[in-house]
C-alpha atoms as a PDB file:
ATOM      1  CA  MET A   1       3.682  10.358-101.718  1.00  0.00           C
ATOM      2  CA  GLU A   2       4.174  12.515 -98.673  1.00  0.00           C
ATOM      3  CA  ALA A   3       1.443  10.618 -96.733  1.00  0.00           C
ATOM      4  CA  PHE A   4       3.137   7.474 -97.666  1.00  0.00           C
ATOM      5  CA  SER A   5       6.415   8.623 -96.385  1.00  0.00           C
ATOM      6  CA  VAL A   6       4.797   9.555 -92.964  1.00  0.00           C
ATOM      7  CA  ALA A   7       3.140   6.164 -92.700  1.00  0.00           C
ATOM      8  CA  VAL A   8       6.442   4.345 -93.417  1.00  0.00           C
ATOM      9  CA  SER A   9       8.317   6.390 -90.896  1.00  0.00           C
ATOM     10  CA  LEU A  10       5.650   5.914 -88.113  1.00  0.00           C
ATOM     11  CA  ALA A  11       5.520   2.145 -88.879  1.00  0.00           C
ATOM     12  CA  MET A  12       9.420   1.936 -88.503  1.00  0.00           C
ATOM     13  CA  LEU A  13       9.516   4.029 -85.199  1.00  0.00           C
ATOM     14  CA  THR A  14       6.661   1.871 -83.729  1.00  0.00           C
ATOM     15  CA  ALA A  15       8.038  -1.422 -84.838  1.00  0.00           C
ATOM     16  CA  HIS A  16      10.914  -1.225 -82.196  1.00  0.00           C
ATOM     17  CA  ALA A  17       8.609   0.217 -79.379  1.00  0.00           C
ATOM     18  CA  PRO A  18       9.463  -1.526 -76.118  1.00  0.00           C
ATOM     19  CA  ALA A  19       6.999  -4.157 -74.770  1.00  0.00           C
ATOM     20  CA  CYS A  20       5.037  -3.499 -71.680  1.00  0.00           C
ATOM     21  CA  PRO A  21       7.174  -5.034 -68.849  1.00  0.00           C
ATOM     22  CA  LEU A  22       4.228  -6.436 -67.066  1.00  0.00           C
ATOM     23  CA  THR A  23       2.406  -8.016 -69.929  1.00  0.00           C
ATOM     24  CA  GLN A  24       5.569  -9.349 -71.273  1.00  0.00           C
ATOM     25  CA  SER A  25       6.567 -10.957 -67.858  1.00  0.00           C
ATOM     26  CA  LEU A  26       2.909 -12.710 -67.833  1.00  0.00           C
ATOM     27  CA  VAL A  27       3.261 -13.896 -71.416  1.00  0.00           C
ATOM     28  CA  ASP A  28       6.702 -15.184 -70.602  1.00  0.00           C
ATOM     29  CA  ARG A  29       5.678 -16.872 -67.473  1.00  0.00           C
ATOM     30  CA  TYR A  30       2.311 -18.483 -68.677  1.00  0.00           C
ATOM     31  CA  GLY A  31       2.924 -18.697 -72.450  1.00  0.00           C
ATOM     32  CA  ILE A  32      -0.276 -16.563 -73.150  1.00  0.00           C
ATOM     33  CA  SER A  33      -0.970 -16.567 -76.920  1.00  0.00           C
ATOM     34  CA  PHE A  34      -3.965 -16.680 -79.248  1.00  0.00           C
ATOM     35  CA  SER A  35      -4.100 -20.386 -78.491  1.00  0.00           C
ATOM     36  CA  GLY A  36      -4.489 -20.026 -74.785  1.00  0.00           C
ATOM     37  CA  PHE A  37      -1.941 -20.660 -72.013  1.00  0.00           C
ATOM     38  CA  THR A  38       0.997 -23.136 -71.933  1.00  0.00           C
ATOM     39  CA  LYS A  39       1.040 -23.196 -68.067  1.00  0.00           C
ATOM     40  CA  ALA A  40      -2.379 -23.643 -66.354  1.00  0.00           C
ATOM     41  CA  ILE A  41      -3.823 -20.505 -64.582  1.00  0.00           C
ATOM     42  CA  PRO A  42      -6.881 -21.162 -62.291  1.00  0.00           C
ATOM     43  CA  ALA A  43     -10.268 -20.011 -63.415  1.00  0.00           C
ATOM     44  CA  SER A  44     -11.731 -17.158 -61.266  1.00  0.00           C
ATOM     45  CA  PRO A  45     -14.564 -14.746 -60.975  1.00  0.00           C
ATOM     46  CA  ALA A  46     -13.746 -11.178 -62.350  1.00  0.00           C
ATOM     47  CA  PRO A  47     -11.778  -8.830 -59.889  1.00  0.00           C
ATOM     48  CA  ASP A  48     -13.922  -6.516 -57.948  1.00  0.00           C
ATOM     49  CA  THR A  49     -12.949  -3.094 -59.239  1.00  0.00           C
ATOM     50  CA  ALA A  50     -16.227  -1.422 -58.346  1.00  0.00           C
ATOM     51  CA  HIS A  51     -14.751   0.454 -55.481  1.00  0.00           C
ATOM     52  CA  GLY A  52     -12.103   2.023 -57.632  1.00  0.00           C
ATOM     53  CA  GLY A  53      -8.622   1.676 -56.242  1.00  0.00           C
ATOM     54  CA  PRO A  54      -5.109   1.102 -57.871  1.00  0.00           C
ATOM     55  CA  PHE A  55      -6.268  -1.013 -60.767  1.00  0.00           C
ATOM     56  CA  ALA A  56      -4.713  -0.876 -64.220  1.00  0.00           C
ATOM     57  CA  ARG A  57      -6.229  -2.578 -67.310  1.00  0.00           C
ATOM     58  CA  LEU A  58      -3.565  -3.671 -69.945  1.00  0.00           C
ATOM     59  CA  VAL A  59      -3.774  -5.034 -73.322  1.00  0.00           C
ATOM     60  CA  ILE A  60      -1.726  -8.055 -74.252  1.00  0.00           C
ATOM     61  CA  PRO A  61      -0.698  -7.503 -77.700  1.00  0.00           C
ATOM     62  CA  ASP A  62      -1.495  -9.964 -80.226  1.00  0.00           C
ATOM     63  CA  ASP A  63       0.314 -10.256 -83.549  1.00  0.00           C
ATOM     64  CA  SER A  64      -0.766 -13.606 -84.727  1.00  0.00           C
ATOM     65  CA  LYS A  65      -3.323 -12.585 -87.290  1.00  0.00           C
ATOM     66  CA  VAL A  66      -5.577 -15.402 -86.388  1.00  0.00           C
ATOM     67  CA  ALA A  67      -9.171 -14.148 -86.665  1.00  0.00           C
ATOM     68  CA  ASP A  68     -10.586 -16.818 -84.313  1.00  0.00           C
ATOM     69  CA  GLY A  69      -7.949 -16.796 -81.657  1.00  0.00           C
ATOM     70  CA  PHE A  70      -8.140 -15.651 -78.088  1.00  0.00           C
ATOM     71  CA  ARG A  71      -7.443 -12.158 -77.027  1.00  0.00           C
ATOM     72  CA  HIS A  72      -6.144 -11.362 -73.517  1.00  0.00           C
ATOM     73  CA  THR A  73      -6.395  -8.413 -71.117  1.00  0.00           C
ATOM     74  CA  VAL A  74      -4.781  -8.071 -67.728  1.00  0.00           C
ATOM     75  CA  VAL A  75      -6.397  -6.235 -64.696  1.00  0.00           C
ATOM     76  CA  VAL A  76      -3.681  -5.604 -62.139  1.00  0.00           C
ATOM     77  CA  ASP A  77      -3.969  -4.294 -58.672  1.00  0.00           C
ATOM     78  CA  THR A  78      -0.950  -2.075 -58.554  1.00  0.00           C
ATOM     79  CA  ARG A  79      -0.936  -2.242 -54.595  1.00  0.00           C
ATOM     80  CA  THR A  80      -1.070  -5.979 -53.980  1.00  0.00           C
ATOM     81  CA  LYS A  81       0.733  -6.856 -57.378  1.00  0.00           C
ATOM     82  CA  LYS A  82      -1.920  -9.386 -58.034  1.00  0.00           C
ATOM     83  CA  ALA A  83      -3.364  -9.728 -61.754  1.00  0.00           C
ATOM     84  CA  TRP A  84      -6.303 -11.410 -63.365  1.00  0.00           C
ATOM     85  CA  ILE A  85      -6.453 -12.311 -67.006  1.00  0.00           C
ATOM     86  CA  LEU A  86      -9.430 -11.959 -69.142  1.00  0.00           C
ATOM     87  CA  ARG A  87      -9.631 -14.336 -72.095  1.00  0.00           C
ATOM     88  CA  THR A  88     -12.074 -13.373 -74.831  1.00  0.00           C
ATOM     89  CA  GLY A  89     -12.793 -14.603 -78.275  1.00  0.00           C
ATOM     90  CA  GLY A  90     -12.039 -17.845 -79.937  1.00  0.00           C
ATOM     91  CA  PHE A  91     -14.280 -19.474 -82.364  1.00  0.00           C
ATOM     92  CA  VAL A  92     -17.122 -19.838 -79.704  1.00  0.00           C
ATOM     93  CA  GLY A  93     -16.732 -16.389 -78.392  1.00  0.00           C
ATOM     94  CA  VAL A  94     -15.689 -17.015 -74.720  1.00  0.00           C
ATOM     95  CA  VAL A  95     -15.498 -14.518 -71.813  1.00  0.00           C
ATOM     96  CA  GLU A  96     -13.313 -16.227 -69.125  1.00  0.00           C
ATOM     97  CA  TRP A  97     -11.305 -14.798 -66.099  1.00  0.00           C
ATOM     98  CA  TYR A  98      -8.185 -16.465 -64.560  1.00  0.00           C
ATOM     99  CA  GLY A  99      -6.198 -15.677 -61.570  1.00  0.00           C
ATOM    100  CA  PRO A 100      -5.241 -14.026 -59.362  1.00  0.00           C
ATOM    101  CA  VAL A 101      -1.532 -14.420 -60.152  1.00  0.00           C
ATOM    102  CA  ASP A 102       1.435 -12.714 -58.916  1.00  0.00           C
ATOM    103  CA  ALA A 103       2.342  -9.776 -61.079  1.00  0.00           C
ATOM    104  CA  GLY A 104       5.668  -9.486 -59.434  1.00  0.00           C
ATOM    105  CA  ASP A 105       7.746  -6.197 -59.569  1.00  0.00           C
ATOM    106  CA  ALA A 106       7.226  -5.869 -63.371  1.00  0.00           C
ATOM    107  CA  SER A 107       6.285  -2.104 -64.216  1.00  0.00           C
ATOM    108  CA  VAL A 108       3.327  -0.789 -66.057  1.00  0.00           C
ATOM    109  CA  ALA A 109       5.403   1.969 -67.360  1.00  0.00           C
ATOM    110  CA  GLY A 110       4.892   2.396 -71.247  1.00  0.00           C
ATOM    111  CA  CYS A 111       2.095   0.031 -71.220  1.00  0.00           C
ATOM    112  CA  ARG A 112      -1.052   0.498 -73.266  1.00  0.00           C
ATOM    113  CA  LEU A 113      -3.687   1.037 -70.860  1.00  0.00           C
ATOM    114  CA  GLU A 114      -7.382   0.185 -71.772  1.00  0.00           C
ATOM    115  CA  PRO A 115     -10.110   2.498 -70.687  1.00  0.00           C
ATOM    116  CA  LYS A 116     -11.983   1.472 -67.476  1.00  0.00           C
ATOM    117  CA  ALA A 117     -15.080  -0.626 -67.932  1.00  0.00           C
END
């Protein structure tokens, strides 16, 4: 019973966790969801992150519960404020890059960072 109480408490605390300002900005601007984009973003090669630099890799949360939907990850150059979006999944298993798009002044504070590839 105690474990259940802890689980419920954690769920309630994380349910109201603030969204990542950068990913939320991109989702709002381009309509990013499990089904793709509502505003076109140009296809591109992957960003060149081999030299290191000020790159952050962020998860775009997906609460859709659609097993064959797309998943999206953002790679942002925090110096130039340019972002690339990686689309993976779907029912045919795509791996597609889009961008760069302007990330604007949205912050990465509080964002869930992915480990570097």
